[in-house]
Amino acid sequence: MRSRLELKIPPPVVALVVAMLMWLLKRALEPMLDVPWAVRLGSALVLGLVGIGTSAAGVLHFRRAGTTIDPMRPDTASVLVSAGIYRLTRNPMYLGMLLVLLGWAVYLSSLPAMVLLPAFVLYLNRFQIAPEERALAARFGGAYEDYRRRVRRWL
């Protein structure tokens, strides 16, 4: 079932909207969890850096393969990338965004903000990843199906 929302909002924009909603939820539903600032900051930085590194590794492998990183045009992919980080996850760029959002939720020290993390995953699964997977299956056929069976969508 296709929707008008499929491939319409770039995932980084979705992540920014979720991050803003997390902040608003934290502000509206105080109090924060009682976690020391240094622990929150340190944990958030680690998660954020791992997330940025994960996303960057995905971009790097796409660039090296000479294929598009445009999430709005998966049908223009010229190569099926399955090496490097793509042996661990089919969506390292989205996984990286999720880790950054998790770091943000930890920094905010807000359980209500963390509720939006599954919403981010569900949105991307339905409106971004599913259409990408259809496009890749149409473009690369059996090679993509083999890859899809070997490597999980997120982790």
N, C-alpha and C. Protein backbone atom coordinates (compact mmCIF):
# COMPACT_ATOMS: atom_id res chain seq x y z
N MET A 1 0.84 -1.17 0.00
CA MET A 1 0.00 0.00 0.00
C MET A 1 0.89 1.25 0.00
N ARG A 2 0.71 2.06 -0.99
CA ARG A 2 1.52 3.27 -1.10
C ARG A 2 0.78 4.46 -0.51
N SER A 3 1.54 5.42 -0.07
CA SER A 3 0.98 6.60 0.56
C SER A 3 1.64 7.84 -0.04
N ARG A 4 0.94 8.95 0.07
CA ARG A 4 1.52 10.20 -0.42
C ARG A 4 2.71 10.65 0.42
N LEU A 5 2.88 10.12 1.62
CA LEU A 5 4.00 10.50 2.47
C LEU A 5 5.29 9.75 2.12
N GLU A 6 5.18 8.70 1.31
CA GLU A 6 6.37 7.92 1.00
C GLU A 6 7.39 8.77 0.24
N LEU A 7 8.62 8.75 0.74
CA LEU A 7 9.76 9.42 0.11
C LEU A 7 9.52 10.92 -0.09
N LYS A 8 8.74 11.54 0.79
CA LYS A 8 8.43 12.97 0.65
C LYS A 8 9.22 13.86 1.60
N ILE A 9 9.51 13.35 2.80
CA ILE A 9 10.21 14.17 3.79
C ILE A 9 11.58 13.56 4.02
N PRO A 10 12.64 14.29 3.72
CA PRO A 10 13.99 13.73 3.91
C PRO A 10 14.20 13.28 5.36
N PRO A 11 14.78 12.09 5.56
CA PRO A 11 14.99 11.58 6.92
C PRO A 11 15.69 12.54 7.88
N PRO A 12 16.68 13.33 7.45
CA PRO A 12 17.26 14.29 8.41
C PRO A 12 16.23 15.31 8.91
N VAL A 13 15.28 15.68 8.06
CA VAL A 13 14.23 16.61 8.47
C VAL A 13 13.32 15.93 9.49
N VAL A 14 12.98 14.66 9.23
CA VAL A 14 12.17 13.90 10.18
C VAL A 14 12.89 13.84 11.53
N ALA A 15 14.19 13.57 11.51
CA ALA A 15 14.97 13.49 12.75
C ALA A 15 14.96 14.84 13.49
N LEU A 16 15.10 15.94 12.77
CA LEU A 16 15.07 17.26 13.41
C LEU A 16 13.70 17.55 14.03
N VAL A 17 12.64 17.19 13.33
CA VAL A 17 11.29 17.39 13.88
C VAL A 17 11.11 16.56 15.14
N VAL A 18 11.56 15.31 15.10
CA VAL A 18 11.45 14.46 16.29
C VAL A 18 12.27 15.05 17.43
N ALA A 19 13.48 15.54 17.15
CA ALA A 19 14.31 16.14 18.19
C ALA A 19 13.61 17.34 18.82
N MET A 20 12.97 18.17 18.00
CA MET A 20 12.25 19.33 18.55
C MET A 20 11.06 18.88 19.38
N LEU A 21 10.33 17.86 18.91
CA LEU A 21 9.20 17.34 19.68
C LEU A 21 9.66 16.74 21.00
N MET A 22 10.81 16.11 21.00
CA MET A 22 11.37 15.56 22.23
C MET A 22 11.63 16.67 23.24
N TRP A 23 12.21 17.76 22.76
CA TRP A 23 12.50 18.90 23.63
C TRP A 23 11.20 19.49 24.18
N LEU A 24 10.19 19.62 23.31
CA LEU A 24 8.90 20.16 23.76
C LEU A 24 8.24 19.25 24.79
N LEU A 25 8.31 17.94 24.57
CA LEU A 25 7.75 17.00 25.55
C LEU A 25 8.46 17.11 26.89
N LYS A 26 9.76 17.23 26.82
CA LYS A 26 10.55 17.37 28.06
C LYS A 26 10.11 18.63 28.81
N ARG A 27 9.95 19.71 28.09
CA ARG A 27 9.55 20.98 28.72
C ARG A 27 8.13 20.90 29.29
N ALA A 28 7.24 20.21 28.57
CA ALA A 28 5.84 20.16 28.99
C ALA A 28 5.61 19.17 30.12
N LEU A 29 6.41 18.13 30.17
CA LEU A 29 6.17 17.06 31.12
C LEU A 29 7.31 16.91 32.12
N GLU A 30 7.76 18.03 32.66
CA GLU A 30 8.76 17.98 33.72
C GLU A 30 8.21 17.16 34.87
N PRO A 31 8.93 16.65 35.77
CA PRO A 31 10.35 16.88 35.98
C PRO A 31 11.22 15.91 35.18
N MET A 32 12.47 16.27 35.09
CA MET A 32 13.46 15.41 34.44
C MET A 32 13.77 14.24 35.36
N LEU A 33 14.34 13.22 34.76
CA LEU A 33 14.88 12.13 35.58
C LEU A 33 16.05 12.69 36.38
N ASP A 34 16.29 12.13 37.51
CA ASP A 34 17.37 12.62 38.37
C ASP A 34 18.68 11.93 37.98
N VAL A 35 19.28 12.42 36.89
CA VAL A 35 20.55 11.89 36.40
C VAL A 35 21.54 13.05 36.41
N PRO A 36 22.70 12.87 37.01
CA PRO A 36 23.69 13.97 37.05
C PRO A 36 24.03 14.48 35.65
N TRP A 37 24.22 15.79 35.57
CA TRP A 37 24.49 16.44 34.30
C TRP A 37 25.70 15.82 33.60
N ALA A 38 26.76 15.53 34.31
CA ALA A 38 27.98 14.98 33.70
C ALA A 38 27.71 13.60 33.08
N VAL A 39 26.90 12.81 33.73
CA VAL A 39 26.55 11.48 33.20
C VAL A 39 25.70 11.64 31.94
N ARG A 40 24.73 12.55 32.01
CA ARG A 40 23.87 12.80 30.84
C ARG A 40 24.71 13.29 29.68
N LEU A 41 25.57 14.25 29.93
CA LEU A 41 26.38 14.82 28.85
C LEU A 41 27.33 13.78 28.27
N GLY A 42 28.02 13.05 29.12
CA GLY A 42 28.96 12.04 28.64
C GLY A 42 28.27 10.96 27.83
N SER A 43 27.15 10.46 28.33
CA SER A 43 26.41 9.42 27.62
C SER A 43 25.87 9.94 26.29
N ALA A 44 25.33 11.15 26.33
CA ALA A 44 24.79 11.76 25.11
C ALA A 44 25.88 11.96 24.06
N LEU A 45 27.04 12.42 24.49
CA LEU A 45 28.15 12.61 23.55
C LEU A 45 28.60 11.29 22.93
N VAL A 46 28.71 10.24 23.74
CA VAL A 46 29.11 8.94 23.21
C VAL A 46 28.09 8.46 22.18
N LEU A 47 26.80 8.48 22.56
CA LEU A 47 25.76 8.04 21.63
C LEU A 47 25.74 8.89 20.37
N GLY A 48 25.85 10.20 20.53
CA GLY A 48 25.86 11.10 19.38
C GLY A 48 27.02 10.84 18.45
N LEU A 49 28.21 10.66 19.02
CA LEU A 49 29.40 10.42 18.19
C LEU A 49 29.32 9.07 17.49
N VAL A 50 28.83 8.05 18.18
CA VAL A 50 28.66 6.74 17.54
C VAL A 50 27.62 6.85 16.42
N GLY A 51 26.56 7.60 16.66
CA GLY A 51 25.53 7.81 15.64
C GLY A 51 26.07 8.54 14.43
N ILE A 52 26.81 9.60 14.66
CA ILE A 52 27.40 10.36 13.54
C ILE A 52 28.39 9.48 12.77
N GLY A 53 29.19 8.71 13.50
CA GLY A 53 30.14 7.81 12.85
C GLY A 53 29.45 6.74 12.02
N THR A 54 28.35 6.21 12.55
CA THR A 54 27.59 5.18 11.83
C THR A 54 27.01 5.75 10.54
N SER A 55 26.40 6.92 10.63
CA SER A 55 25.85 7.57 9.44
C SER A 55 26.95 7.91 8.44
N ALA A 56 28.05 8.45 8.94
CA ALA A 56 29.16 8.83 8.06
C ALA A 56 29.74 7.61 7.35
N ALA A 57 29.83 6.48 8.04
CA ALA A 57 30.33 5.26 7.40
C ALA A 57 29.42 4.85 6.25
N GLY A 58 28.10 4.98 6.45
CA GLY A 58 27.16 4.67 5.37
C GLY A 58 27.35 5.58 4.18
N VAL A 59 27.47 6.86 4.43
CA VAL A 59 27.68 7.83 3.34
C VAL A 59 29.00 7.53 2.63
N LEU A 60 30.04 7.27 3.38
CA LEU A 60 31.36 6.99 2.80
C LEU A 60 31.31 5.78 1.86
N HIS A 61 30.65 4.71 2.28
CA HIS A 61 30.57 3.53 1.43
C HIS A 61 29.76 3.80 0.16
N PHE A 62 28.70 4.59 0.27
CA PHE A 62 27.95 4.97 -0.92
C PHE A 62 28.81 5.81 -1.87
N ARG A 63 29.53 6.77 -1.32
CA ARG A 63 30.39 7.63 -2.14
C ARG A 63 31.48 6.80 -2.85
N ARG A 64 32.11 5.90 -2.09
CA ARG A 64 33.15 5.05 -2.69
C ARG A 64 32.60 4.18 -3.81
N ALA A 65 31.36 3.74 -3.66
CA ALA A 65 30.75 2.89 -4.68
C ALA A 65 30.23 3.71 -5.86
N GLY A 66 30.18 5.03 -5.69
CA GLY A 66 29.74 5.90 -6.77
C GLY A 66 28.23 5.89 -6.97
N THR A 67 27.49 5.67 -5.90
CA THR A 67 26.03 5.67 -6.00
C THR A 67 25.44 6.81 -5.20
N THR A 68 24.19 7.09 -5.43
CA THR A 68 23.52 8.24 -4.81
C THR A 68 23.27 8.03 -3.32
N ILE A 69 23.32 9.12 -2.58
CA ILE A 69 22.90 9.07 -1.17
C ILE A 69 21.56 9.80 -1.00
N ASP A 70 20.94 10.18 -2.10
CA ASP A 70 19.67 10.90 -2.05
C ASP A 70 18.55 9.95 -1.61
N PRO A 71 18.03 10.13 -0.38
CA PRO A 71 17.02 9.21 0.12
C PRO A 71 15.67 9.37 -0.58
N MET A 72 15.51 10.43 -1.33
CA MET A 72 14.24 10.67 -2.00
C MET A 72 14.18 10.00 -3.38
N ARG A 73 15.33 9.50 -3.85
CA ARG A 73 15.41 8.88 -5.18
C ARG A 73 16.13 7.53 -5.14
N PRO A 74 15.63 6.56 -4.39
CA PRO A 74 16.32 5.26 -4.31
C PRO A 74 16.37 4.53 -5.65
N ASP A 75 15.48 4.89 -6.57
CA ASP A 75 15.46 4.25 -7.88
C ASP A 75 16.66 4.64 -8.73
N THR A 76 17.43 5.65 -8.30
CA THR A 76 18.61 6.06 -9.06
C THR A 76 19.90 5.39 -8.56
N ALA A 77 19.77 4.47 -7.61
CA ALA A 77 20.96 3.76 -7.11
C ALA A 77 21.61 3.01 -8.26
N SER A 78 22.92 3.16 -8.37
CA SER A 78 23.65 2.51 -9.47
C SER A 78 24.36 1.24 -9.03
N VAL A 79 24.53 1.07 -7.72
CA VAL A 79 25.26 -0.08 -7.18
C VAL A 79 24.56 -0.52 -5.90
N LEU A 80 24.50 -1.82 -5.69
CA LEU A 80 24.01 -2.36 -4.43
C LEU A 80 25.20 -2.44 -3.48
N VAL A 81 25.20 -1.61 -2.46
CA VAL A 81 26.31 -1.56 -1.51
C VAL A 81 26.03 -2.54 -0.38
N SER A 82 26.94 -3.51 -0.20
CA SER A 82 26.74 -4.51 0.85
C SER A 82 28.02 -4.78 1.64
N ALA A 83 29.01 -3.93 1.48
CA ALA A 83 30.29 -4.10 2.17
C ALA A 83 30.38 -3.13 3.35
N GLY A 84 31.40 -3.32 4.15
CA GLY A 84 31.65 -2.42 5.28
C GLY A 84 30.49 -2.45 6.27
N ILE A 85 30.04 -1.28 6.67
CA ILE A 85 28.97 -1.18 7.66
C ILE A 85 27.68 -1.81 7.15
N TYR A 86 27.54 -1.91 5.83
CA TYR A 86 26.34 -2.50 5.24
C TYR A 86 26.29 -4.02 5.42
N ARG A 87 27.33 -4.60 5.98
CA ARG A 87 27.27 -6.02 6.36
C ARG A 87 26.56 -6.18 7.70
N LEU A 88 26.45 -5.10 8.47
CA LEU A 88 25.84 -5.14 9.80
C LEU A 88 24.40 -4.61 9.81
N THR A 89 24.12 -3.64 8.97
CA THR A 89 22.81 -3.01 8.92
C THR A 89 22.55 -2.53 7.50
N ARG A 90 21.30 -2.67 7.06
CA ARG A 90 20.95 -2.17 5.72
C ARG A 90 20.75 -0.66 5.72
N ASN A 91 20.64 -0.06 6.90
CA ASN A 91 20.33 1.37 6.99
C ASN A 91 21.21 2.09 8.00
N PRO A 92 22.52 2.12 7.77
CA PRO A 92 23.39 2.76 8.77
C PRO A 92 23.13 4.25 8.94
N MET A 93 22.71 4.93 7.88
CA MET A 93 22.46 6.36 8.02
C MET A 93 21.27 6.61 8.94
N TYR A 94 20.23 5.81 8.81
CA TYR A 94 19.06 5.96 9.67
C TYR A 94 19.35 5.48 11.08
N LEU A 95 20.11 4.41 11.20
CA LEU A 95 20.53 3.92 12.51
C LEU A 95 21.33 5.01 13.23
N GLY A 96 22.22 5.67 12.50
CA GLY A 96 23.00 6.76 13.08
C GLY A 96 22.12 7.88 13.59
N MET A 97 21.09 8.23 12.79
CA MET A 97 20.16 9.28 13.24
C MET A 97 19.44 8.85 14.51
N LEU A 98 19.05 7.58 14.57
CA LEU A 98 18.37 7.07 15.77
C LEU A 98 19.29 7.15 16.99
N LEU A 99 20.56 6.82 16.81
CA LEU A 99 21.50 6.90 17.93
C LEU A 99 21.70 8.35 18.39
N VAL A 100 21.75 9.28 17.45
CA VAL A 100 21.85 10.70 17.82
C VAL A 100 20.60 11.12 18.59
N LEU A 101 19.43 10.70 18.13
CA LEU A 101 18.19 11.03 18.85
C LEU A 101 18.17 10.39 20.23
N LEU A 102 18.68 9.18 20.35
CA LEU A 102 18.78 8.54 21.66
C LEU A 102 19.70 9.34 22.57
N GLY A 103 20.82 9.79 22.03
CA GLY A 103 21.73 10.65 22.80
C GLY A 103 21.04 11.93 23.25
N TRP A 104 20.23 12.52 22.39
CA TRP A 104 19.50 13.73 22.72
C TRP A 104 18.49 13.44 23.85
N ALA A 105 17.80 12.31 23.76
CA ALA A 105 16.84 11.93 24.81
C ALA A 105 17.56 11.72 26.15
N VAL A 106 18.74 11.11 26.10
CA VAL A 106 19.52 10.91 27.32
C VAL A 106 19.94 12.27 27.90
N TYR A 107 20.40 13.15 27.03
CA TYR A 107 20.80 14.48 27.49
C TYR A 107 19.61 15.22 28.11
N LEU A 108 18.44 15.10 27.49
CA LEU A 108 17.25 15.75 28.03
C LEU A 108 16.81 15.11 29.34
N SER A 109 17.25 13.87 29.56
CA SER A 109 16.90 13.13 30.77
C SER A 109 15.38 13.04 30.93
N SER A 110 14.74 12.61 29.83
CA SER A 110 13.29 12.64 29.78
C SER A 110 12.73 11.33 29.20
N LEU A 111 12.00 10.60 30.03
CA LEU A 111 11.34 9.39 29.53
C LEU A 111 10.29 9.71 28.47
N PRO A 112 9.47 10.76 28.64
CA PRO A 112 8.51 11.07 27.57
C PRO A 112 9.20 11.35 26.23
N ALA A 113 10.36 11.96 26.25
CA ALA A 113 11.08 12.21 25.00
C ALA A 113 11.49 10.89 24.34
N MET A 114 11.82 9.91 25.14
CA MET A 114 12.24 8.62 24.60
C MET A 114 11.11 7.88 23.90
N VAL A 115 9.87 8.23 24.24
CA VAL A 115 8.71 7.61 23.59
C VAL A 115 8.70 7.91 22.09
N LEU A 116 9.30 9.01 21.71
CA LEU A 116 9.32 9.39 20.30
C LEU A 116 10.32 8.57 19.48
N LEU A 117 11.24 7.88 20.12
CA LEU A 117 12.21 7.07 19.38
C LEU A 117 11.53 5.96 18.59
N PRO A 118 10.62 5.18 19.19
CA PRO A 118 9.92 4.18 18.38
C PRO A 118 9.07 4.81 17.27
N ALA A 119 8.53 5.98 17.52
CA ALA A 119 7.75 6.67 16.49
C ALA A 119 8.64 7.01 15.29
N PHE A 120 9.86 7.44 15.55
CA PHE A 120 10.82 7.74 14.48
C PHE A 120 11.09 6.47 13.66
N VAL A 121 11.33 5.35 14.35
CA VAL A 121 11.61 4.09 13.66
C VAL A 121 10.40 3.66 12.84
N LEU A 122 9.21 3.72 13.43
CA LEU A 122 8.00 3.32 12.71
C LEU A 122 7.77 4.18 11.48
N TYR A 123 7.96 5.50 11.63
CA TYR A 123 7.78 6.40 10.50
C TYR A 123 8.77 6.05 9.38
N LEU A 124 10.04 5.92 9.72
CA LEU A 124 11.03 5.60 8.69
C LEU A 124 10.76 4.24 8.05
N ASN A 125 10.41 3.25 8.88
CA ASN A 125 10.11 1.93 8.31
C ASN A 125 9.01 2.02 7.26
N ARG A 126 7.95 2.74 7.57
CA ARG A 126 6.77 2.79 6.68
C ARG A 126 6.96 3.73 5.50
N PHE A 127 7.42 4.93 5.74
CA PHE A 127 7.39 5.95 4.69
C PHE A 127 8.72 6.17 3.98
N GLN A 128 9.81 5.61 4.49
CA GLN A 128 11.10 5.78 3.85
C GLN A 128 11.71 4.43 3.45
N ILE A 129 11.87 3.54 4.40
CA ILE A 129 12.59 2.30 4.14
C ILE A 129 11.79 1.36 3.24
N ALA A 130 10.51 1.18 3.51
CA ALA A 130 9.71 0.27 2.68
C ALA A 130 9.74 0.67 1.20
N PRO A 131 9.54 1.96 0.86
CA PRO A 131 9.63 2.32 -0.55
C PRO A 131 11.06 2.16 -1.11
N GLU A 132 12.06 2.43 -0.29
CA GLU A 132 13.43 2.21 -0.74
C GLU A 132 13.65 0.74 -1.07
N GLU A 133 13.16 -0.13 -0.19
CA GLU A 133 13.35 -1.57 -0.41
C GLU A 133 12.63 -2.04 -1.67
N ARG A 134 11.44 -1.50 -1.95
CA ARG A 134 10.74 -1.84 -3.20
C ARG A 134 11.56 -1.41 -4.41
N ALA A 135 12.11 -0.19 -4.33
CA ALA A 135 12.91 0.32 -5.45
C ALA A 135 14.18 -0.51 -5.65
N LEU A 136 14.84 -0.87 -4.57
CA LEU A 136 16.07 -1.67 -4.68
C LEU A 136 15.78 -3.09 -5.17
N ALA A 137 14.67 -3.66 -4.75
CA ALA A 137 14.29 -5.00 -5.22
C ALA A 137 13.99 -4.96 -6.72
N ALA A 138 13.33 -3.89 -7.17
CA ALA A 138 13.04 -3.76 -8.60
C ALA A 138 14.32 -3.55 -9.40
N ARG A 139 15.25 -2.81 -8.84
CA ARG A 139 16.48 -2.48 -9.57
C ARG A 139 17.51 -3.61 -9.55
N PHE A 140 17.66 -4.30 -8.40
CA PHE A 140 18.74 -5.28 -8.25
C PHE A 140 18.25 -6.73 -8.12
N GLY A 141 16.94 -6.93 -8.08
CA GLY A 141 16.36 -8.27 -8.10
C GLY A 141 16.87 -9.21 -7.03
N GLY A 142 17.29 -10.39 -7.46
CA GLY A 142 17.72 -11.46 -6.56
C GLY A 142 18.91 -11.08 -5.69
N ALA A 143 19.81 -10.27 -6.22
CA ALA A 143 20.97 -9.86 -5.42
C ALA A 143 20.51 -9.06 -4.20
N TYR A 144 19.51 -8.20 -4.39
CA TYR A 144 19.00 -7.44 -3.24
C TYR A 144 18.26 -8.35 -2.28
N GLU A 145 17.47 -9.26 -2.80
CA GLU A 145 16.72 -10.18 -1.94
C GLU A 145 17.67 -11.03 -1.10
N ASP A 146 18.77 -11.50 -1.68
CA ASP A 146 19.77 -12.26 -0.93
C ASP A 146 20.37 -11.39 0.18
N TYR A 147 20.71 -10.17 -0.18
CA TYR A 147 21.27 -9.22 0.80
C TYR A 147 20.26 -8.96 1.92
N ARG A 148 19.01 -8.75 1.55
CA ARG A 148 17.96 -8.46 2.53
C ARG A 148 17.79 -9.62 3.51
N ARG A 149 17.92 -10.84 3.03
CA ARG A 149 17.80 -12.00 3.91
C ARG A 149 19.01 -12.14 4.85
N ARG A 150 20.18 -11.70 4.42
CA ARG A 150 21.40 -11.84 5.22
C ARG A 150 21.56 -10.74 6.27
N VAL A 151 21.10 -9.53 5.96
CA VAL A 151 21.40 -8.37 6.82
C VAL A 151 20.09 -7.76 7.30
N ARG A 152 20.04 -7.50 8.58
CA ARG A 152 18.84 -6.92 9.18
C ARG A 152 18.66 -5.47 8.78
N ARG A 153 17.40 -5.01 8.88
CA ARG A 153 17.05 -3.65 8.49
C ARG A 153 17.75 -2.62 9.37
N TRP A 154 17.72 -2.80 10.67
CA TRP A 154 18.33 -1.85 11.61
C TRP A 154 19.59 -2.43 12.22
N LEU A 155 19.46 -3.46 13.01
CA LEU A 155 20.63 -4.13 13.61
C LEU A 155 20.37 -5.60 13.79
